[in-house]
């Protein structure tokens, strides 16, 4: 008899096979999180910043890094950071976001 290449799953009670494990909707399926990185909060010098990693494939414009004043070239993975606790609201904080070299952000 030929060998079966199908993976064997354990049989549960009553002869029924358990349903395959599915990750929670909150943790998976968000394509933008996979492509662009998740946002998280960091505290630097007593201020809260929202930080997001940008993949090199989604970086299409040059930016000036505020840490070293050099250009973050298109196609370079980098960090985007903006204030999370600004006085003028979320829209103003988002408009004031800055693109940093990953190394420059880490040592700032």
C-alpha atoms as a PDB file:
ATOM      1  CA  UNK A   1       0.000   0.000   0.000  1.00  0.00           C
ATOM      2  CA  UNK A   2       1.384   3.455  -0.858  1.00  0.00           C
ATOM      3  CA  UNK A   3       2.420   5.767   1.937  1.00  0.00           C
ATOM      4  CA  UNK A   4       0.103   8.656   2.829  1.00  0.00           C
ATOM      5  CA  UNK A   5       1.747  12.080   2.999  1.00  0.00           C
ATOM      6  CA  UNK A   6      -1.105  13.615   4.975  1.00  0.00           C
ATOM      7  CA  UNK A   7      -0.230  14.751   8.498  1.00  0.00           C
ATOM      8  CA  UNK A   8      -1.885  12.723  11.225  1.00  0.00           C
ATOM      9  CA  UNK A   9      -4.006  14.606  13.724  1.00  0.00           C
ATOM     10  CA  UNK A  10      -5.081  13.151  17.031  1.00  0.00           C
ATOM     11  CA  UNK A  11      -8.686  12.031  17.279  1.00  0.00           C
ATOM     12  CA  UNK A  12     -10.702  13.663  20.050  1.00  0.00           C
ATOM     13  CA  UNK A  13     -13.549  12.258  22.120  1.00  0.00           C
ATOM     14  CA  UNK A  14     -16.329  10.614  20.195  1.00  0.00           C
ATOM     15  CA  UNK A  15     -14.099  10.020  17.179  1.00  0.00           C
ATOM     16  CA  UNK A  16     -14.283  13.669  16.061  1.00  0.00           C
ATOM     17  CA  UNK A  17     -11.112  15.378  15.027  1.00  0.00           C
ATOM     18  CA  UNK A  18     -10.426  18.657  16.837  1.00  0.00           C
ATOM     19  CA  UNK A  19     -10.724  21.849  14.827  1.00  0.00           C
ATOM     20  CA  UNK A  20      -7.379  23.282  13.709  1.00  0.00           C
ATOM     21  CA  UNK A  21      -6.052  25.967  15.997  1.00  0.00           C
ATOM     22  CA  UNK A  22      -6.798  29.454  14.697  1.00  0.00           C
ATOM     23  CA  UNK A  23      -4.969  32.520  15.929  1.00  0.00           C
ATOM     24  CA  UNK A  24      -6.999  35.358  17.408  1.00  0.00           C
ATOM     25  CA  UNK A  25      -8.209  37.995  14.977  1.00  0.00           C
ATOM     26  CA  UNK A  26      -6.378  40.677  16.968  1.00  0.00           C
ATOM     27  CA  UNK A  27      -2.976  39.052  16.532  1.00  0.00           C
ATOM     28  CA  UNK A  28      -3.037  37.902  12.923  1.00  0.00           C
ATOM     29  CA  UNK A  29      -4.402  38.745   9.556  1.00  0.00           C
ATOM     30  CA  UNK A  30      -3.459  42.391   9.679  1.00  0.00           C
ATOM     31  CA  UNK A  31      -1.406  42.641   6.518  1.00  0.00           C
ATOM     32  CA  UNK A  32      -0.367  46.223   7.188  1.00  0.00           C
ATOM     33  CA  UNK A  33       1.205  45.187  10.494  1.00  0.00           C
ATOM     34  CA  UNK A  34       3.236  42.514   8.729  1.00  0.00           C
ATOM     35  CA  UNK A  35       4.313  44.805   5.894  1.00  0.00           C
ATOM     36  CA  UNK A  36       4.889  48.026   7.781  1.00  0.00           C
ATOM     37  CA  UNK A  37       5.563  46.922  11.355  1.00  0.00           C
ATOM     38  CA  UNK A  38       3.430  47.520  14.384  1.00  0.00           C
ATOM     39  CA  UNK A  39       3.213  50.756  16.241  1.00  0.00           C
ATOM     40  CA  UNK A  40       4.300  50.801  19.848  1.00  0.00           C
ATOM     41  CA  UNK A  41       4.901  53.397  22.552  1.00  0.00           C
ATOM     42  CA  UNK A  42       8.350  54.305  23.832  1.00  0.00           C
ATOM     43  CA  UNK A  43       9.379  56.837  26.432  1.00  0.00           C
ATOM     44  CA  UNK A  44      12.414  59.006  25.705  1.00  0.00           C
ATOM     45  CA  UNK A  45      13.606  61.844  27.913  1.00  0.00           C
ATOM     46  CA  UNK A  46      10.308  61.871  29.835  1.00  0.00           C
ATOM     47  CA  UNK A  47       8.122  62.080  26.711  1.00  0.00           C
ATOM     48  CA  UNK A  48       6.010  59.365  25.103  1.00  0.00           C
ATOM     49  CA  UNK A  49       6.517  58.622  21.413  1.00  0.00           C
ATOM     50  CA  UNK A  50       4.609  56.409  19.024  1.00  0.00           C
ATOM     51  CA  UNK A  51       7.215  54.460  17.053  1.00  0.00           C
ATOM     52  CA  UNK A  52       6.711  52.501  13.851  1.00  0.00           C
ATOM     53  CA  UNK A  53       9.269  50.520  11.846  1.00  0.00           C
ATOM     54  CA  UNK A  54       9.262  51.118   8.102  1.00  0.00           C
ATOM     55  CA  UNK A  55      10.429  48.360   5.767  1.00  0.00           C
ATOM     56  CA  UNK A  56      12.874  49.252   3.029  1.00  0.00           C
ATOM     57  CA  UNK A  57      10.424  48.181   0.332  1.00  0.00           C
ATOM     58  CA  UNK A  58       7.830  50.721   1.471  1.00  0.00           C
ATOM     59  CA  UNK A  59      10.304  53.593   1.817  1.00  0.00           C
ATOM     60  CA  UNK A  60      10.089  55.602  -1.409  1.00  0.00           C
ATOM     61  CA  UNK A  61      11.241  59.128  -0.515  1.00  0.00           C
ATOM     62  CA  UNK A  62      14.413  60.539   1.024  1.00  0.00           C
ATOM     63  CA  UNK A  63      14.111  62.011   4.521  1.00  0.00           C
ATOM     64  CA  UNK A  64      16.532  63.909   6.756  1.00  0.00           C
ATOM     65  CA  UNK A  65      17.239  62.061  10.001  1.00  0.00           C
ATOM     66  CA  UNK A  66      16.945  64.450  12.976  1.00  0.00           C
ATOM     67  CA  UNK A  67      19.528  62.422  14.885  1.00  0.00           C
ATOM     68  CA  UNK A  68      22.472  62.776  12.501  1.00  0.00           C
ATOM     69  CA  UNK A  69      21.194  65.263   9.869  1.00  0.00           C
ATOM     70  CA  UNK A  70      22.048  62.781   7.098  1.00  0.00           C
ATOM     71  CA  UNK A  71      19.624  61.529   4.474  1.00  0.00           C
ATOM     72  CA  UNK A  72      17.561  58.390   5.044  1.00  0.00           C
ATOM     73  CA  UNK A  73      17.758  57.076   1.483  1.00  0.00           C
ATOM     74  CA  UNK A  74      14.752  55.495  -0.285  1.00  0.00           C
ATOM     75  CA  UNK A  75      14.720  51.736   0.190  1.00  0.00           C
ATOM     76  CA  UNK A  76      16.372  51.966   3.625  1.00  0.00           C
ATOM     77  CA  UNK A  77      14.534  50.402   6.585  1.00  0.00           C
ATOM     78  CA  UNK A  78      14.072  53.046   9.260  1.00  0.00           C
ATOM     79  CA  UNK A  79      11.929  54.290  12.172  1.00  0.00           C
ATOM     80  CA  UNK A  80       9.125  56.846  12.138  1.00  0.00           C
ATOM     81  CA  UNK A  81       8.440  58.482  15.499  1.00  0.00           C
ATOM     82  CA  UNK A  82       5.981  61.119  16.686  1.00  0.00           C
ATOM     83  CA  UNK A  83       4.825  62.470  20.031  1.00  0.00           C
ATOM     84  CA  UNK A  84       2.087  60.478  21.700  1.00  0.00           C
ATOM     85  CA  UNK A  85       1.407  63.060  24.389  1.00  0.00           C
ATOM     86  CA  UNK A  86       1.546  66.374  22.547  1.00  0.00           C
ATOM     87  CA  UNK A  87      -0.432  69.405  23.661  1.00  0.00           C
ATOM     88  CA  UNK A  88      -2.034  70.216  20.316  1.00  0.00           C
ATOM     89  CA  UNK A  89      -3.768  66.914  19.653  1.00  0.00           C
ATOM     90  CA  UNK A  90      -3.212  63.756  17.712  1.00  0.00           C
ATOM     91  CA  UNK A  91      -3.382  65.365  14.246  1.00  0.00           C
ATOM     92  CA  UNK A  92      -0.640  67.859  15.087  1.00  0.00           C
ATOM     93  CA  UNK A  93       1.532  65.107  16.556  1.00  0.00           C
ATOM     94  CA  UNK A  94       1.112  62.967  13.458  1.00  0.00           C
ATOM     95  CA  UNK A  95       1.935  65.918  11.191  1.00  0.00           C
ATOM     96  CA  UNK A  96       5.154  66.479  13.184  1.00  0.00           C
ATOM     97  CA  UNK A  97       6.411  62.883  12.786  1.00  0.00           C
ATOM     98  CA  UNK A  98      10.056  62.366  11.878  1.00  0.00           C
ATOM     99  CA  UNK A  99      11.922  59.635  10.026  1.00  0.00           C
ATOM    100  CA  UNK A 100      15.021  58.368  11.863  1.00  0.00           C
ATOM    101  CA  UNK A 101      17.781  55.938  11.018  1.00  0.00           C
ATOM    102  CA  UNK A 102      17.169  52.929  13.253  1.00  0.00           C
ATOM    103  CA  UNK A 103      20.585  53.319  14.874  1.00  0.00           C
ATOM    104  CA  UNK A 104      20.110  57.044  15.476  1.00  0.00           C
ATOM    105  CA  UNK A 105      16.756  56.411  17.198  1.00  0.00           C
ATOM    106  CA  UNK A 106      18.276  53.738  19.428  1.00  0.00           C
ATOM    107  CA  UNK A 107      21.117  55.950  20.656  1.00  0.00           C
ATOM    108  CA  UNK A 108      19.025  59.103  21.076  1.00  0.00           C
END
